[in-house]
């Protein structure tokens, strides 16, 4: 089973369409909504897609045909090492251990473990962590 993380961006006129329904029903994809932001003007949805690689590819082609903007999600966080003071406030709120310290107390970020809950962003006292999508 293949997995891919994507960012979907919707225009105002697409917000009432059952886009995710079609990904599940027509392309047999499982999805995990990692983050969603919807206003009356636009929508942004960060998804983890799972299924057969061909189904994921076909689903993405279909999304683009529907004029949904599809971008790969390389990472959802940007940790600025120059601003970071290694205080650990972010590690205390990270539910998956994606932010952690090495043996020499250097902050590390494991994007594979990150579920994009964004709890670390407001927890950082020096604002060294930002969302990146």
C-alpha atoms as a PDB file:
ATOM      1  CA  UNK A   1       0.000   0.000   0.000  1.00  0.00           C
ATOM      2  CA  UNK A   2       1.355   3.388  -1.018  1.00  0.00           C
ATOM      3  CA  UNK A   3       1.097   6.599   1.002  1.00  0.00           C
ATOM      4  CA  UNK A   4       1.346  10.215  -0.018  1.00  0.00           C
ATOM      5  CA  UNK A   5       0.788  13.510   1.800  1.00  0.00           C
ATOM      6  CA  UNK A   6      -0.747  16.326  -0.213  1.00  0.00           C
ATOM      7  CA  UNK A   7      -2.074  19.835   0.278  1.00  0.00           C
ATOM      8  CA  UNK A   8      -5.359  20.546  -1.513  1.00  0.00           C
ATOM      9  CA  UNK A   9      -6.380  24.145  -2.122  1.00  0.00           C
ATOM     10  CA  UNK A  10      -9.961  24.926  -3.073  1.00  0.00           C
ATOM     11  CA  UNK A  11     -11.518  28.008  -4.580  1.00  0.00           C
ATOM     12  CA  UNK A  12     -14.725  29.480  -3.197  1.00  0.00           C
ATOM     13  CA  UNK A  13     -16.904  27.800  -5.853  1.00  0.00           C
ATOM     14  CA  UNK A  14     -15.512  24.349  -4.943  1.00  0.00           C
ATOM     15  CA  UNK A  15     -16.248  24.392  -1.224  1.00  0.00           C
ATOM     16  CA  UNK A  16     -19.638  22.697  -1.462  1.00  0.00           C
ATOM     17  CA  UNK A  17     -18.467  19.840  -3.730  1.00  0.00           C
ATOM     18  CA  UNK A  18     -17.978  16.303  -2.306  1.00  0.00           C
ATOM     19  CA  UNK A  19     -14.337  16.066  -3.348  1.00  0.00           C
ATOM     20  CA  UNK A  20     -13.094  13.749  -0.594  1.00  0.00           C
ATOM     21  CA  UNK A  21     -16.148  11.511  -1.027  1.00  0.00           C
ATOM     22  CA  UNK A  22     -15.099  10.804  -4.611  1.00  0.00           C
ATOM     23  CA  UNK A  23     -11.524  10.006  -3.583  1.00  0.00           C
ATOM     24  CA  UNK A  24     -12.837   7.350  -1.202  1.00  0.00           C
ATOM     25  CA  UNK A  25     -15.642   5.953  -3.361  1.00  0.00           C
ATOM     26  CA  UNK A  26     -14.223   6.194  -6.888  1.00  0.00           C
ATOM     27  CA  UNK A  27     -10.513   5.641  -6.187  1.00  0.00           C
ATOM     28  CA  UNK A  28     -10.688   3.415  -3.083  1.00  0.00           C
ATOM     29  CA  UNK A  29      -8.384   5.704  -1.120  1.00  0.00           C
ATOM     30  CA  UNK A  30      -8.100   5.930   2.625  1.00  0.00           C
ATOM     31  CA  UNK A  31      -7.389   9.380   3.948  1.00  0.00           C
ATOM     32  CA  UNK A  32      -6.287  10.988   7.127  1.00  0.00           C
ATOM     33  CA  UNK A  33      -7.137  14.673   7.436  1.00  0.00           C
ATOM     34  CA  UNK A  34      -4.004  16.160   8.956  1.00  0.00           C
ATOM     35  CA  UNK A  35      -5.172  19.745   8.873  1.00  0.00           C
ATOM     36  CA  UNK A  36      -8.062  21.736   7.442  1.00  0.00           C
ATOM     37  CA  UNK A  37      -8.683  25.458   7.080  1.00  0.00           C
ATOM     38  CA  UNK A  38     -11.922  26.534   5.457  1.00  0.00           C
ATOM     39  CA  UNK A  39     -13.298  30.047   5.173  1.00  0.00           C
ATOM     40  CA  UNK A  40     -16.091  31.453   3.054  1.00  0.00           C
ATOM     41  CA  UNK A  41     -13.469  32.398   0.446  1.00  0.00           C
ATOM     42  CA  UNK A  42     -11.204  29.358   0.188  1.00  0.00           C
ATOM     43  CA  UNK A  43     -10.236  26.026   1.646  1.00  0.00           C
ATOM     44  CA  UNK A  44      -7.002  24.218   2.394  1.00  0.00           C
ATOM     45  CA  UNK A  45      -6.882  20.545   3.294  1.00  0.00           C
ATOM     46  CA  UNK A  46      -3.781  18.577   4.216  1.00  0.00           C
ATOM     47  CA  UNK A  47      -4.353  14.876   3.582  1.00  0.00           C
ATOM     48  CA  UNK A  48      -2.457  11.678   4.091  1.00  0.00           C
ATOM     49  CA  UNK A  49      -3.636   9.407   1.266  1.00  0.00           C
ATOM     50  CA  UNK A  50      -3.238   5.617   1.374  1.00  0.00           C
ATOM     51  CA  UNK A  51      -4.100   3.041  -1.260  1.00  0.00           C
ATOM     52  CA  UNK A  52      -2.750   1.449  -4.387  1.00  0.00           C
ATOM     53  CA  UNK A  53      -0.156   3.697  -6.010  1.00  0.00           C
ATOM     54  CA  UNK A  54      -2.111   3.750  -9.270  1.00  0.00           C
ATOM     55  CA  UNK A  55      -5.302   4.765  -7.430  1.00  0.00           C
ATOM     56  CA  UNK A  56      -3.485   7.627  -5.697  1.00  0.00           C
ATOM     57  CA  UNK A  57      -2.104   8.837  -9.022  1.00  0.00           C
ATOM     58  CA  UNK A  58      -5.517   8.586 -10.710  1.00  0.00           C
ATOM     59  CA  UNK A  59      -7.179  10.367  -7.779  1.00  0.00           C
ATOM     60  CA  UNK A  60      -4.693  13.231  -8.015  1.00  0.00           C
ATOM     61  CA  UNK A  61      -5.264  13.503 -11.767  1.00  0.00           C
ATOM     62  CA  UNK A  62      -9.023  13.666 -11.092  1.00  0.00           C
ATOM     63  CA  UNK A  63      -8.510  16.388  -8.465  1.00  0.00           C
ATOM     64  CA  UNK A  64      -6.550  18.479 -10.944  1.00  0.00           C
ATOM     65  CA  UNK A  65      -9.298  17.978 -13.543  1.00  0.00           C
ATOM     66  CA  UNK A  66     -11.704  19.431 -10.948  1.00  0.00           C
ATOM     67  CA  UNK A  67      -9.423  22.511 -10.750  1.00  0.00           C
ATOM     68  CA  UNK A  68      -8.306  21.678  -7.203  1.00  0.00           C
ATOM     69  CA  UNK A  69      -4.738  22.835  -6.622  1.00  0.00           C
ATOM     70  CA  UNK A  70      -2.708  19.802  -5.497  1.00  0.00           C
ATOM     71  CA  UNK A  71       0.754  20.184  -3.990  1.00  0.00           C
ATOM     72  CA  UNK A  72       2.947  17.547  -2.380  1.00  0.00           C
ATOM     73  CA  UNK A  73       3.557  18.049   1.308  1.00  0.00           C
ATOM     74  CA  UNK A  74       7.274  17.791   1.933  1.00  0.00           C
ATOM     75  CA  UNK A  75       6.907  18.933   5.518  1.00  0.00           C
ATOM     76  CA  UNK A  76       4.425  20.946   7.477  1.00  0.00           C
ATOM     77  CA  UNK A  77       6.863  22.582   9.844  1.00  0.00           C
ATOM     78  CA  UNK A  78       9.828  24.855   9.490  1.00  0.00           C
ATOM     79  CA  UNK A  79      12.098  24.809  12.530  1.00  0.00           C
ATOM     80  CA  UNK A  80      14.466  27.778  12.433  1.00  0.00           C
ATOM     81  CA  UNK A  81      17.640  26.463  14.076  1.00  0.00           C
ATOM     82  CA  UNK A  82      19.123  29.958  14.315  1.00  0.00           C
ATOM     83  CA  UNK A  83      16.213  31.244  16.411  1.00  0.00           C
ATOM     84  CA  UNK A  84      15.717  28.062  18.457  1.00  0.00           C
ATOM     85  CA  UNK A  85      17.101  28.174  21.997  1.00  0.00           C
ATOM     86  CA  UNK A  86      16.549  24.428  22.619  1.00  0.00           C
ATOM     87  CA  UNK A  87      14.230  25.108  25.565  1.00  0.00           C
ATOM     88  CA  UNK A  88      12.069  22.019  24.969  1.00  0.00           C
ATOM     89  CA  UNK A  89       8.692  23.731  25.143  1.00  0.00           C
ATOM     90  CA  UNK A  90       7.758  22.233  21.766  1.00  0.00           C
ATOM     91  CA  UNK A  91       8.786  18.723  22.764  1.00  0.00           C
ATOM     92  CA  UNK A  92       6.535  18.919  25.804  1.00  0.00           C
ATOM     93  CA  UNK A  93       3.412  19.416  23.667  1.00  0.00           C
ATOM     94  CA  UNK A  94       4.317  17.149  20.717  1.00  0.00           C
ATOM     95  CA  UNK A  95       2.021  14.108  21.013  1.00  0.00           C
ATOM     96  CA  UNK A  96       3.997  11.875  18.631  1.00  0.00           C
ATOM     97  CA  UNK A  97       7.603  12.627  19.507  1.00  0.00           C
ATOM     98  CA  UNK A  98       8.246  14.245  16.123  1.00  0.00           C
ATOM     99  CA  UNK A  99      10.145  16.990  17.966  1.00  0.00           C
ATOM    100  CA  UNK A 100      12.792  15.523  20.241  1.00  0.00           C
ATOM    101  CA  UNK A 101      16.273  16.075  21.653  1.00  0.00           C
ATOM    102  CA  UNK A 102      19.401  14.153  20.737  1.00  0.00           C
ATOM    103  CA  UNK A 103      21.830  12.995  23.422  1.00  0.00           C
ATOM    104  CA  UNK A 104      23.686  16.338  23.133  1.00  0.00           C
ATOM    105  CA  UNK A 105      20.424  18.327  23.588  1.00  0.00           C
ATOM    106  CA  UNK A 106      20.013  19.364  19.980  1.00  0.00           C
ATOM    107  CA  UNK A 107      16.406  19.728  18.849  1.00  0.00           C
ATOM    108  CA  UNK A 108      15.459  17.439  15.965  1.00  0.00           C
ATOM    109  CA  UNK A 109      12.319  17.163  13.815  1.00  0.00           C
ATOM    110  CA  UNK A 110      11.095  13.864  12.322  1.00  0.00           C
ATOM    111  CA  UNK A 111       8.532  14.753   9.646  1.00  0.00           C
ATOM    112  CA  UNK A 112       7.448  11.104   9.315  1.00  0.00           C
ATOM    113  CA  UNK A 113       6.146  11.140  12.888  1.00  0.00           C
ATOM    114  CA  UNK A 114       4.518  14.574  12.599  1.00  0.00           C
ATOM    115  CA  UNK A 115       0.714  14.613  12.406  1.00  0.00           C
ATOM    116  CA  UNK A 116       0.620  18.374  11.831  1.00  0.00           C
ATOM    117  CA  UNK A 117      -1.374  19.126  14.964  1.00  0.00           C
ATOM    118  CA  UNK A 118       0.593  22.406  15.175  1.00  0.00           C
ATOM    119  CA  UNK A 119       0.596  22.382  18.979  1.00  0.00           C
ATOM    120  CA  UNK A 120       4.303  23.226  18.859  1.00  0.00           C
ATOM    121  CA  UNK A 121       3.838  26.497  16.956  1.00  0.00           C
ATOM    122  CA  UNK A 122       2.204  28.505  19.765  1.00  0.00           C
ATOM    123  CA  UNK A 123       4.255  26.621  22.394  1.00  0.00           C
ATOM    124  CA  UNK A 124       7.556  27.986  21.071  1.00  0.00           C
ATOM    125  CA  UNK A 125       8.416  31.087  23.135  1.00  0.00           C
ATOM    126  CA  UNK A 126      10.817  32.478  20.513  1.00  0.00           C
ATOM    127  CA  UNK A 127       8.578  31.651  17.507  1.00  0.00           C
ATOM    128  CA  UNK A 128      11.234  29.450  15.898  1.00  0.00           C
ATOM    129  CA  UNK A 129       8.592  27.017  14.565  1.00  0.00           C
ATOM    130  CA  UNK A 130       6.204  27.944  11.758  1.00  0.00           C
ATOM    131  CA  UNK A 131       3.754  26.039   9.609  1.00  0.00           C
ATOM    132  CA  UNK A 132       5.043  25.722   6.089  1.00  0.00           C
ATOM    133  CA  UNK A 133       2.092  25.120   3.784  1.00  0.00           C
END
